[in-house]
Amino acid sequence: MSELLLLILYCALLGSIVGFLAGLLGIGGGLIIVPVLSAILLHFEVLPPEQVVVAAIATSLASILFTSTSSAIAHHKNGNVPWQIAPWIMTGVGLGALISGFMAALLPEQIVRLVFAVCVLLIALKMFYSSTKTDTSTTRKMPNKGLLTLFTTITGGLSAMIGIGGGALLVPLLTYFSIDMKKAIGCASACGIVIALFGSIGYISSGSAHFSLADGFAGFVYLPALLGIVCTSWFTAPLGAKATAYLPVPLIKKIFAGLLLAIAVNMYFG
């Protein structure tokens, strides 16, 4: 088996896992794709170490475009996408993702690693805290549409910067304002499409001067890895979306929080 086929096989295995998690938690899968794909690209010596993280983030975003679409379709069928607020949220995350994508080439690789690790650590702590909190009596009013768009612009920018679909940041934000957990996950899945689309445009445009299609790249996006991830994640994302009705979310959050902590440490010190 050639090294390229083996790389695609590894990425297909990765895609099957992140697709399920994308449907289950609305996270897009980038939190797992970025560090694991970075390791895969280093193992097969596709890129020098200083370029690996940016390529992994760009490829993660491109894959999330497909994974989130599959997940969002499944959540829409289950009535879990709140379309009355989704357009405003999508506007914000799209704008933030586009700005972040064009800034990618300007950021030092170590800064990207640090931002990724800190964001993942904070998300993990928030996820663990929310899984142990049982008091749901507090009701917070959703901010006006302009302020909501501002909040989600920041969320979209951070999400694109670290190569995730936004769910890990959007779900806590929406549930903070008393949106039902399942609807927050469904909305995050739909918004992941927008973040991935605009973030990918930025990464492809800014990376076109660094890589060529002949080498398997579309800007910073590595196409063989993208193919491997998408060929499985498209099919496992709906399974994760269906599982939200059956699996105990608090337990899943605790397990996933532990995984995020490990990823944050590995990403910063790896």
C-alpha atoms as a PDB file:
ATOM      1  CA  MET A   1       0.000   0.000   0.000  1.00  0.00           C
ATOM      2  CA  SER A   2       1.426   3.388  -0.993  1.00  0.00           C
ATOM      3  CA  GLU A   3       2.030   6.038   1.648  1.00  0.00           C
ATOM      4  CA  LEU A   4      -0.630   8.288   0.111  1.00  0.00           C
ATOM      5  CA  LEU A   5      -3.303   5.570   0.356  1.00  0.00           C
ATOM      6  CA  LEU A   6      -2.251   4.816   3.914  1.00  0.00           C
ATOM      7  CA  LEU A   7      -2.554   8.511   4.787  1.00  0.00           C
ATOM      8  CA  ILE A   8      -6.057   8.605   3.302  1.00  0.00           C
ATOM      9  CA  LEU A   9      -6.965   5.469   5.287  1.00  0.00           C
ATOM     10  CA  TYR A  10      -5.791   7.057   8.544  1.00  0.00           C
ATOM     11  CA  CYS A  11      -7.811  10.165   7.736  1.00  0.00           C
ATOM     12  CA  ALA A  12     -10.894   8.047   6.952  1.00  0.00           C
ATOM     13  CA  LEU A  13     -10.646   6.463  10.407  1.00  0.00           C
ATOM     14  CA  LEU A  14     -10.296   9.923  11.911  1.00  0.00           C
ATOM     15  CA  GLY A  15     -13.322  11.104   9.931  1.00  0.00           C
ATOM     16  CA  SER A  16     -15.524   8.297  11.208  1.00  0.00           C
ATOM     17  CA  ILE A  17     -14.872   9.384  14.803  1.00  0.00           C
ATOM     18  CA  VAL A  18     -15.191  13.135  14.342  1.00  0.00           C
ATOM     19  CA  GLY A  19     -18.318  12.742  12.222  1.00  0.00           C
ATOM     20  CA  PHE A  20     -20.113  10.964  15.046  1.00  0.00           C
ATOM     21  CA  LEU A  21     -18.971  13.560  17.589  1.00  0.00           C
ATOM     22  CA  ALA A  22     -20.021  16.376  15.242  1.00  0.00           C
ATOM     23  CA  GLY A  23     -23.559  15.040  15.131  1.00  0.00           C
ATOM     24  CA  LEU A  24     -23.651  14.262  18.842  1.00  0.00           C
ATOM     25  CA  LEU A  25     -22.343  17.573  20.209  1.00  0.00           C
ATOM     26  CA  GLY A  26     -22.433  19.944  17.229  1.00  0.00           C
ATOM     27  CA  ILE A  27     -18.678  20.538  17.549  1.00  0.00           C
ATOM     28  CA  GLY A  28     -17.621  20.142  13.918  1.00  0.00           C
ATOM     29  CA  GLY A  29     -14.782  17.825  14.907  1.00  0.00           C
ATOM     30  CA  GLY A  30     -11.915  20.258  14.461  1.00  0.00           C
ATOM     31  CA  LEU A  31     -10.830  19.931  18.084  1.00  0.00           C
ATOM     32  CA  ILE A  32      -9.803  16.374  17.288  1.00  0.00           C
ATOM     33  CA  ILE A  33      -8.930  16.763  13.602  1.00  0.00           C
ATOM     34  CA  VAL A  34      -6.300  19.491  14.087  1.00  0.00           C
ATOM     35  CA  PRO A  35      -3.935  17.707  16.519  1.00  0.00           C
ATOM     36  CA  VAL A  36      -4.433  14.247  15.007  1.00  0.00           C
ATOM     37  CA  LEU A  37      -4.071  15.457  11.413  1.00  0.00           C
ATOM     38  CA  SER A  38      -0.995  17.462  12.438  1.00  0.00           C
ATOM     39  CA  ALA A  39       0.558  14.223  13.704  1.00  0.00           C
ATOM     40  CA  ILE A  40      -0.426  12.380  10.507  1.00  0.00           C
ATOM     41  CA  LEU A  41       1.075  15.061   8.252  1.00  0.00           C
ATOM     42  CA  LEU A  42       4.274  15.030  10.290  1.00  0.00           C
ATOM     43  CA  HIS A  43       4.463  11.234  10.231  1.00  0.00           C
ATOM     44  CA  PHE A  44       4.202  11.115   6.431  1.00  0.00           C
ATOM     45  CA  GLU A  45       6.497  14.151   6.098  1.00  0.00           C
ATOM     46  CA  VAL A  46       3.971  16.012   3.962  1.00  0.00           C
ATOM     47  CA  LEU A  47       5.103  19.371   5.348  1.00  0.00           C
ATOM     48  CA  PRO A  48       7.860  20.795   7.545  1.00  0.00           C
ATOM     49  CA  PRO A  49       6.857  21.166  11.226  1.00  0.00           C
ATOM     50  CA  GLU A  50       6.442  24.934  11.051  1.00  0.00           C
ATOM     51  CA  GLN A  51       3.705  24.648   8.382  1.00  0.00           C
ATOM     52  CA  VAL A  52       1.817  21.633   9.676  1.00  0.00           C
ATOM     53  CA  VAL A  53      -0.597  23.307  12.100  1.00  0.00           C
ATOM     54  CA  VAL A  54      -1.908  25.898   9.630  1.00  0.00           C
ATOM     55  CA  ALA A  55      -2.447  23.183   6.980  1.00  0.00           C
ATOM     56  CA  ALA A  56      -4.228  20.976   9.537  1.00  0.00           C
ATOM     57  CA  ILE A  57      -6.506  23.851  10.586  1.00  0.00           C
ATOM     58  CA  ALA A  58      -7.348  24.725   6.967  1.00  0.00           C
ATOM     59  CA  THR A  59      -8.039  21.080   6.080  1.00  0.00           C
ATOM     60  CA  SER A  60     -10.132  20.685   9.222  1.00  0.00           C
ATOM     61  CA  LEU A  61     -12.310  23.648   8.249  1.00  0.00           C
ATOM     62  CA  ALA A  62     -12.780  22.306   4.715  1.00  0.00           C
ATOM     63  CA  SER A  63     -13.858  18.913   6.081  1.00  0.00           C
ATOM     64  CA  ILE A  64     -16.253  20.555   8.542  1.00  0.00           C
ATOM     65  CA  LEU A  65     -18.059  22.112   5.572  1.00  0.00           C
ATOM     66  CA  PHE A  66     -19.189  18.594   4.620  1.00  0.00           C
ATOM     67  CA  THR A  67     -19.531  17.125   8.113  1.00  0.00           C
ATOM     68  CA  SER A  68     -21.614  20.015   9.453  1.00  0.00           C
ATOM     69  CA  THR A  69     -23.853  19.890   6.391  1.00  0.00           C
ATOM     70  CA  SER A  70     -24.601  16.222   7.013  1.00  0.00           C
ATOM     71  CA  SER A  71     -25.128  16.858  10.728  1.00  0.00           C
ATOM     72  CA  ALA A  72     -27.313  19.941  10.157  1.00  0.00           C
ATOM     73  CA  ILE A  73     -29.571  18.066   7.756  1.00  0.00           C
ATOM     74  CA  ALA A  74     -30.126  15.379  10.384  1.00  0.00           C
ATOM     75  CA  HIS A  75     -30.799  17.940  13.145  1.00  0.00           C
ATOM     76  CA  HIS A  76     -33.174  19.891  10.882  1.00  0.00           C
ATOM     77  CA  LYS A  77     -35.197  16.733  10.259  1.00  0.00           C
ATOM     78  CA  ASN A  78     -35.453  16.308  14.046  1.00  0.00           C
ATOM     79  CA  GLY A  79     -36.633  19.927  14.482  1.00  0.00           C
ATOM     80  CA  ASN A  80     -33.521  20.942  16.396  1.00  0.00           C
ATOM     81  CA  VAL A  81     -32.441  24.011  14.378  1.00  0.00           C
ATOM     82  CA  PRO A  82     -33.960  27.276  15.740  1.00  0.00           C
ATOM     83  CA  TRP A  83     -34.302  29.106  12.417  1.00  0.00           C
ATOM     84  CA  GLN A  84     -35.798  32.214  14.066  1.00  0.00           C
ATOM     85  CA  ILE A  85     -32.327  33.182  15.379  1.00  0.00           C
ATOM     86  CA  ALA A  86     -30.026  31.062  13.196  1.00  0.00           C
ATOM     87  CA  PRO A  87     -29.640  33.643  10.338  1.00  0.00           C
ATOM     88  CA  TRP A  88     -28.291  36.294  12.733  1.00  0.00           C
ATOM     89  CA  ILE A  89     -25.893  33.833  14.298  1.00  0.00           C
ATOM     90  CA  MET A  90     -24.750  32.643  10.870  1.00  0.00           C
ATOM     91  CA  THR A  91     -24.071  36.228   9.783  1.00  0.00           C
ATOM     92  CA  GLY A  92     -21.809  36.797  12.771  1.00  0.00           C
ATOM     93  CA  VAL A  93     -19.867  33.545  12.588  1.00  0.00           C
ATOM     94  CA  GLY A  94     -19.413  33.880   8.825  1.00  0.00           C
ATOM     95  CA  LEU A  95     -17.920  37.361   9.122  1.00  0.00           C
ATOM     96  CA  GLY A  96     -15.615  36.327  11.958  1.00  0.00           C
ATOM     97  CA  ALA A  97     -14.458  33.210  10.106  1.00  0.00           C
ATOM     98  CA  LEU A  98     -13.695  35.141   6.917  1.00  0.00           C
ATOM     99  CA  ILE A  99     -11.557  37.697   8.759  1.00  0.00           C
ATOM    100  CA  SER A 100      -9.725  34.978  10.678  1.00  0.00           C
ATOM    101  CA  GLY A 101      -8.990  32.940   7.548  1.00  0.00           C
ATOM    102  CA  PHE A 102      -7.263  35.850   5.819  1.00  0.00           C
ATOM    103  CA  MET A 103      -5.181  36.489   8.959  1.00  0.00           C
ATOM    104  CA  ALA A 104      -3.898  32.888   9.067  1.00  0.00           C
ATOM    105  CA  ALA A 105      -0.691  33.460   7.115  1.00  0.00           C
ATOM    106  CA  LEU A 106       0.234  36.412   9.344  1.00  0.00           C
ATOM    107  CA  LEU A 107       0.181  34.510  12.653  1.00  0.00           C
ATOM    108  CA  PRO A 108       3.314  32.700  13.956  1.00  0.00           C
ATOM    109  CA  GLU A 109       2.823  28.939  14.265  1.00  0.00           C
ATOM    110  CA  GLN A 110       3.534  28.970  18.023  1.00  0.00           C
ATOM    111  CA  ILE A 111       0.887  31.647  18.577  1.00  0.00           C
ATOM    112  CA  VAL A 112      -1.667  29.507  16.730  1.00  0.00           C
ATOM    113  CA  ARG A 113      -0.755  26.548  18.952  1.00  0.00           C
ATOM    114  CA  LEU A 114      -1.084  28.665  22.101  1.00  0.00           C
ATOM    115  CA  VAL A 115      -4.476  30.097  21.083  1.00  0.00           C
ATOM    116  CA  PHE A 116      -5.695  26.600  20.209  1.00  0.00           C
ATOM    117  CA  ALA A 117      -4.518  25.075  23.501  1.00  0.00           C
ATOM    118  CA  VAL A 118      -5.945  27.865  25.688  1.00  0.00           C
ATOM    119  CA  CYS A 119      -9.315  27.823  23.897  1.00  0.00           C
ATOM    120  CA  VAL A 120      -9.587  24.046  24.170  1.00  0.00           C
ATOM    121  CA  LEU A 121      -8.679  24.156  27.864  1.00  0.00           C
ATOM    122  CA  LEU A 122     -11.356  26.763  28.591  1.00  0.00           C
ATOM    123  CA  ILE A 123     -13.924  24.805  26.572  1.00  0.00           C
ATOM    124  CA  ALA A 124     -13.082  21.622  28.489  1.00  0.00           C
ATOM    125  CA  LEU A 125     -13.506  23.330  31.856  1.00  0.00           C
ATOM    126  CA  LYS A 126     -16.800  24.861  30.754  1.00  0.00           C
ATOM    127  CA  MET A 127     -18.049  21.528  29.429  1.00  0.00           C
ATOM    128  CA  PHE A 128     -17.152  19.703  32.641  1.00  0.00           C
ATOM    129  CA  TYR A 129     -18.777  22.416  34.775  1.00  0.00           C
ATOM    130  CA  SER A 130     -21.988  22.355  32.747  1.00  0.00           C
ATOM    131  CA  SER A 131     -22.150  18.556  33.010  1.00  0.00           C
ATOM    132  CA  THR A 132     -22.220  18.726  36.825  1.00  0.00           C
ATOM    133  CA  LYS A 133     -24.654  21.626  37.110  1.00  0.00           C
ATOM    134  CA  THR A 134     -28.222  20.494  37.742  1.00  0.00           C
ATOM    135  CA  ASP A 135     -29.889  23.843  38.551  1.00  0.00           C
ATOM    136  CA  THR A 136     -31.741  24.994  35.425  1.00  0.00           C
ATOM    137  CA  SER A 137     -34.006  27.543  37.129  1.00  0.00           C
ATOM    138  CA  THR A 138     -32.065  30.580  35.869  1.00  0.00           C
ATOM    139  CA  THR A 139     -33.487  32.007  32.645  1.00  0.00           C
ATOM    140  CA  ARG A 140     -31.446  34.557  30.694  1.00  0.00           C
ATOM    141  CA  LYS A 141     -32.961  36.636  27.920  1.00  0.00           C
ATOM    142  CA  MET A 142     -31.430  36.359  24.466  1.00  0.00           C
ATOM    143  CA  PRO A 143     -29.628  39.637  23.547  1.00  0.00           C
ATOM    144  CA  ASN A 144     -30.908  41.797  20.696  1.00  0.00           C
ATOM    145  CA  LYS A 145     -30.025  40.656  17.180  1.00  0.00           C
ATOM    146  CA  GLY A 146     -27.227  43.199  16.706  1.00  0.00           C
ATOM    147  CA  LEU A 147     -25.481  42.200  19.944  1.00  0.00           C
ATOM    148  CA  LEU A 148     -26.020  38.525  19.153  1.00  0.00           C
ATOM    149  CA  THR A 149     -24.320  39.040  15.780  1.00  0.00           C
ATOM    150  CA  LEU A 150     -21.378  40.770  17.512  1.00  0.00           C
ATOM    151  CA  PHE A 151     -20.979  37.899  19.988  1.00  0.00           C
ATOM    152  CA  THR A 152     -21.072  35.325  17.214  1.00  0.00           C
ATOM    153  CA  THR A 153     -18.605  37.289  15.062  1.00  0.00           C
ATOM    154  CA  ILE A 154     -16.071  36.855  17.857  1.00  0.00           C
ATOM    155  CA  THR A 155     -17.062  33.188  18.195  1.00  0.00           C
ATOM    156  CA  GLY A 156     -16.704  32.603  14.456  1.00  0.00           C
ATOM    157  CA  GLY A 157     -13.298  34.274  14.353  1.00  0.00           C
ATOM    158  CA  LEU A 158     -11.937  32.184  17.216  1.00  0.00           C
ATOM    159  CA  SER A 159     -13.446  29.016  15.741  1.00  0.00           C
ATOM    160  CA  ALA A 160     -11.874  29.546  12.318  1.00  0.00           C
ATOM    161  CA  MET A 161      -8.542  30.503  13.883  1.00  0.00           C
ATOM    162  CA  ILE A 162      -8.288  27.153  15.651  1.00  0.00           C
ATOM    163  CA  GLY A 163      -9.954  25.118  12.881  1.00  0.00           C
ATOM    164  CA  ILE A 164     -13.215  24.089  14.548  1.00  0.00           C
ATOM    165  CA  GLY A 165     -16.799  24.322  13.391  1.00  0.00           C
ATOM    166  CA  GLY A 166     -17.826  26.572  16.245  1.00  0.00           C
ATOM    167  CA  GLY A 167     -20.065  24.258  18.236  1.00  0.00           C
ATOM    168  CA  ALA A 168     -17.628  24.025  21.138  1.00  0.00           C
ATOM    169  CA  LEU A 169     -17.957  27.792  21.549  1.00  0.00           C
ATOM    170  CA  LEU A 170     -21.504  28.343  20.267  1.00  0.00           C
ATOM    171  CA  VAL A 171     -23.252  25.656  22.323  1.00  0.00           C
ATOM    172  CA  PRO A 172     -22.078  27.089  25.680  1.00  0.00           C
ATOM    173  CA  LEU A 173     -22.999  30.598  24.468  1.00  0.00           C
ATOM    174  CA  LEU A 174     -26.518  29.620  23.391  1.00  0.00           C
ATOM    175  CA  THR A 175     -27.227  27.466  26.435  1.00  0.00           C
ATOM    176  CA  TYR A 176     -26.054  30.379  28.623  1.00  0.00           C
ATOM    177  CA  PHE A 177     -28.953  32.343  27.145  1.00  0.00           C
ATOM    178  CA  SER A 178     -31.331  29.475  28.015  1.00  0.00           C
ATOM    179  CA  ILE A 179     -31.569  27.882  24.567  1.00  0.00           C
ATOM    180  CA  ASP A 180     -32.455  24.183  24.826  1.00  0.00           C
ATOM    181  CA  MET A 181     -29.336  21.982  24.638  1.00  0.00           C
ATOM    182  CA  LYS A 182     -30.536  20.002  21.617  1.00  0.00           C
ATOM    183  CA  LYS A 183     -31.507  23.147  19.722  1.00  0.00           C
ATOM    184  CA  ALA A 184     -28.161  24.747  20.591  1.00  0.00           C
ATOM    185  CA  ILE A 185     -26.393  21.711  19.139  1.00  0.00           C
ATOM    186  CA  GLY A 186     -28.583  21.807  16.014  1.00  0.00           C
ATOM    187  CA  CYS A 187     -27.934  25.540  15.542  1.00  0.00           C
ATOM    188  CA  ALA A 188     -24.189  25.011  16.029  1.00  0.00           C
ATOM    189  CA  SER A 189     -24.219  22.334  13.327  1.00  0.00           C
ATOM    190  CA  ALA A 190     -25.868  24.707  10.868  1.00  0.00           C
ATOM    191  CA  CYS A 191     -23.492  27.532  11.790  1.00  0.00           C
ATOM    192  CA  GLY A 192     -20.548  25.174  11.345  1.00  0.00           C
ATOM    193  CA  ILE A 193     -21.319  25.207   7.612  1.00  0.00           C
ATOM    194  CA  VAL A 194     -20.927  28.984   7.468  1.00  0.00           C
ATOM    195  CA  ILE A 195     -17.755  29.067   9.585  1.00  0.00           C
ATOM    196  CA  ALA A 196     -16.196  26.324   7.481  1.00  0.00           C
ATOM    197  CA  LEU A 197     -17.186  27.946   4.168  1.00  0.00           C
ATOM    198  CA  PHE A 198     -15.892  31.440   4.912  1.00  0.00           C
ATOM    199  CA  GLY A 199     -12.885  30.197   6.873  1.00  0.00           C
ATOM    200  CA  SER A 200     -11.920  27.881   4.014  1.00  0.00           C
ATOM    201  CA  ILE A 201     -12.175  30.731   1.488  1.00  0.00           C
ATOM    202  CA  GLY A 202      -9.724  32.716   3.591  1.00  0.00           C
ATOM    203  CA  TYR A 203      -7.287  29.823   4.054  1.00  0.00           C
ATOM    204  CA  ILE A 204      -7.401  28.859   0.376  1.00  0.00           C
ATOM    205  CA  SER A 205      -6.841  32.442  -0.743  1.00  0.00           C
ATOM    206  CA  SER A 206      -4.050  33.219   1.718  1.00  0.00           C
ATOM    207  CA  GLY A 207      -2.341  29.864   1.094  1.00  0.00           C
ATOM    208  CA  SER A 208      -2.375  29.982  -2.697  1.00  0.00           C
ATOM    209  CA  ALA A 209       0.980  31.778  -2.690  1.00  0.00           C
ATOM    210  CA  HIS A 210       2.562  29.064  -0.527  1.00  0.00           C
ATOM    211  CA  PHE A 211       1.265  25.775  -2.017  1.00  0.00           C
ATOM    212  CA  SER A 212       0.147  24.517  -5.422  1.00  0.00           C
ATOM    213  CA  LEU A 213      -2.607  22.199  -6.634  1.00  0.00           C
ATOM    214  CA  ALA A 214       0.040  19.987  -8.244  1.00  0.00           C
ATOM    215  CA  ASP A 215       1.323  19.124  -4.750  1.00  0.00           C
ATOM    216  CA  GLY A 216      -2.170  18.173  -3.567  1.00  0.00           C
ATOM    217  CA  PHE A 217      -3.041  21.517  -1.968  1.00  0.00           C
ATOM    218  CA  ALA A 218      -5.814  24.053  -2.498  1.00  0.00           C
ATOM    219  CA  GLY A 219      -4.253  26.963  -0.637  1.00  0.00           C
ATOM    220  CA  PHE A 220      -3.484  25.605   2.837  1.00  0.00           C
ATOM    221  CA  VAL A 221      -5.991  22.723   2.419  1.00  0.00           C
ATOM    222  CA  TYR A 222      -4.388  19.290   1.856  1.00  0.00           C
ATOM    223  CA  LEU A 223      -6.797  17.537  -0.503  1.00  0.00           C
ATOM    224  CA  PRO A 224      -5.897  13.831   0.110  1.00  0.00           C
ATOM    225  CA  ALA A 225      -6.489  14.279   3.843  1.00  0.00           C
ATOM    226  CA  LEU A 226      -9.743  16.113   3.118  1.00  0.00           C
ATOM    227  CA  LEU A 227     -10.925  13.220   0.941  1.00  0.00           C
ATOM    228  CA  GLY A 228     -10.154  10.665   3.640  1.00  0.00           C
ATOM    229  CA  ILE A 229     -11.948  12.544   6.412  1.00  0.00           C
ATOM    230  CA  VAL A 230     -15.056  13.425   4.417  1.00  0.00           C
ATOM    231  CA  CYS A 231     -15.627   9.965   2.914  1.00  0.00           C
ATOM    232  CA  THR A 232     -16.540   8.651   6.394  1.00  0.00           C
ATOM    233  CA  SER A 233     -17.613  11.704   8.424  1.00  0.00           C
ATOM    234  CA  TRP A 234     -20.504  12.414   6.042  1.00  0.00           C
ATOM    235  CA  PHE A 235     -22.090   9.080   7.016  1.00  0.00           C
ATOM    236  CA  THR A 236     -21.296   8.996  10.751  1.00  0.00           C
ATOM    237  CA  ALA A 237     -22.504  12.557  11.522  1.00  0.00           C
ATOM    238  CA  PRO A 238     -26.224  11.611  11.205  1.00  0.00           C
ATOM    239  CA  LEU A 239     -25.620   8.685  13.568  1.00  0.00           C
ATOM    240  CA  GLY A 240     -24.295  11.095  16.178  1.00  0.00           C
ATOM    241  CA  ALA A 241     -27.285  13.397  15.657  1.00  0.00           C
ATOM    242  CA  LYS A 242     -29.658  10.486  16.282  1.00  0.00           C
ATOM    243  CA  ALA A 243     -27.719   9.483  19.390  1.00  0.00           C
ATOM    244  CA  THR A 244     -28.499  12.812  21.114  1.00  0.00           C
ATOM    245  CA  ALA A 245     -31.958  11.437  21.890  1.00  0.00           C
ATOM    246  CA  TYR A 246     -30.619   8.312  23.624  1.00  0.00           C
ATOM    247  CA  LEU A 247     -27.217   8.894  25.238  1.00  0.00           C
ATOM    248  CA  PRO A 248     -26.784  10.686  28.612  1.00  0.00           C
ATOM    249  CA  VAL A 249     -25.307  14.048  27.601  1.00  0.00           C
ATOM    250  CA  PRO A 250     -23.816  14.902  31.057  1.00  0.00           C
ATOM    251  CA  LEU A 251     -21.711  11.726  31.010  1.00  0.00           C
ATOM    252  CA  ILE A 252     -20.637  12.352  27.415  1.00  0.00           C
ATOM    253  CA  LYS A 253     -19.620  15.894  28.350  1.00  0.00           C
ATOM    254  CA  LYS A 254     -17.415  14.651  31.198  1.00  0.00           C
ATOM    255  CA  ILE A 255     -15.664  12.105  28.999  1.00  0.00           C
ATOM    256  CA  PHE A 256     -15.237  14.624  26.209  1.00  0.00           C
ATOM    257  CA  ALA A 257     -13.917  17.272  28.624  1.00  0.00           C
ATOM    258  CA  GLY A 258     -11.164  14.866  29.669  1.00  0.00           C
ATOM    259  CA  LEU A 259     -10.332  14.230  26.016  1.00  0.00           C
ATOM    260  CA  LEU A 260     -10.131  17.971  25.340  1.00  0.00           C
ATOM    261  CA  LEU A 261      -7.721  18.454  28.236  1.00  0.00           C
ATOM    262  CA  ALA A 262      -5.428  15.786  26.773  1.00  0.00           C
ATOM    263  CA  ILE A 263      -5.661  17.389  23.338  1.00  0.00           C
ATOM    264  CA  ALA A 264      -4.817  20.853  24.726  1.00  0.00           C
ATOM    265  CA  VAL A 265      -1.717  19.577  26.488  1.00  0.00           C
ATOM    266  CA  ASN A 266      -0.590  17.591  23.445  1.00  0.00           C
ATOM    267  CA  MET A 267      -1.182  20.497  21.080  1.00  0.00           C
ATOM    268  CA  TYR A 268       0.832  22.987  23.087  1.00  0.00           C
ATOM    269  CA  PHE A 269       3.706  20.752  24.178  1.00  0.00           C
ATOM    270  CA  GLY A 270       3.673  18.351  21.173  1.00  0.00           C
END
